[in-house]
Amino acid sequence: MMGLHNQTIKVFDIGIKAYTSAREIKVGEGPIVSLAKWNDVTVSAVKSGQITVWHSDETKEINALKSGEFLSRMRQDHQSPNMIATGGKENDLQLWDLNKPEEPIFKAKNIKPDMVQLRVPVWVSDMTFLKEPNCIALATRHCHVRMYDHKRQRRPVVNFEWEESPFTSITSVADKSQVVVGTAHGRMGCFDLRMNKPEHPVRIFKSFAGAVRDIVVHPHLPLVFSVALDRFLRVHHLETGKLIHKEYLKSRLNCVLVRDDFEEGDLLPTRGKPKRKWMERKMEMEEEMGYDSSEESCEKVRKIEDDEVW
């Protein structure tokens, strides 16, 4: 299921490799920012703050933007699918129960003013539910990572900054108190929220050249999947931080989805083969041209190589 910029929801069947349904929601203003599925219910959220619960026979609408400028993200708790979290610009974290969508069950409270007594601006960019019950972590465009315990207090129990780059995405690590966050400047790091100094990254993942748009940690394998605006899909090893796979996908990427039954052997090798094919092609060119060590023959081969590269 995917949400398009023109407020259209499409369903793609992987088995038959075709779209099976499409629906225009026409709710509120702005593009779809998030989608969720709960039993036979579809939940959509648009930038203007309207969250719509689509039943087969009725529709319920939630206004998640009673204050603020716009909605940035909605996330679903996979352990309790009836729970969703929302947040945006000047719209702090809220938790909603789809069984009772009239009012949020939790509203976060902003942190205290800074050292010069100025209000800290709110701009939630992404959030993720943690394995600990009642705990949720979020990232902000103002370089904050926060963890909330919504049964304990309204202010965050953990709050820290990392570098001077807006956070764009955050995801949790299964069976650990760790999160992986990505920034708008192409940085991605793993943090342990239960450490004495959580602002120190456990490890940093490298090789980015654009803003990190989405991150997925595999639920069973130590693999981190990420996509960025430099049009690459990357797979890093969670424990070592080593880049395992890198694939150019031709378009600016926003989201990544990973199957639960994915195996590391499913990754296609990208290194080594292109070089062997190029060497074979070079040998064929030399045979066709009757290559020798003269300067004229070397110049002809060099010209053909440049033409093929470009």
Foldseek 3Di string as FASTA:
>chain_A
DDWDFQQKDWDADPVVGGTDDMDRDPDDDTGWQDWADDPQWIWTAGFAQWIWIDDPVDIDIARQPPDFDTWQDKAADPVQRQKIWTFAWQRAIFIAGNVDRHDTPAGADADAADPVRDGDGFGWQEKEDEPPPQKIWTFGQQQKIFICRRVPDRYTPDIDGEDRFGWHYKYYAAPAQKMWTWGQQGWIFIFRRPDPCRRDTPDTADDGHGGWQYWDQQNPAQWIWTFGQVQKIWIARNNPNHTDDIDRHPHGDHYDDDDNPDDPVVDDDDPDVVVVVVVVVLVVVCVVVVDDPDPVSVVVSVVVVVVVVD
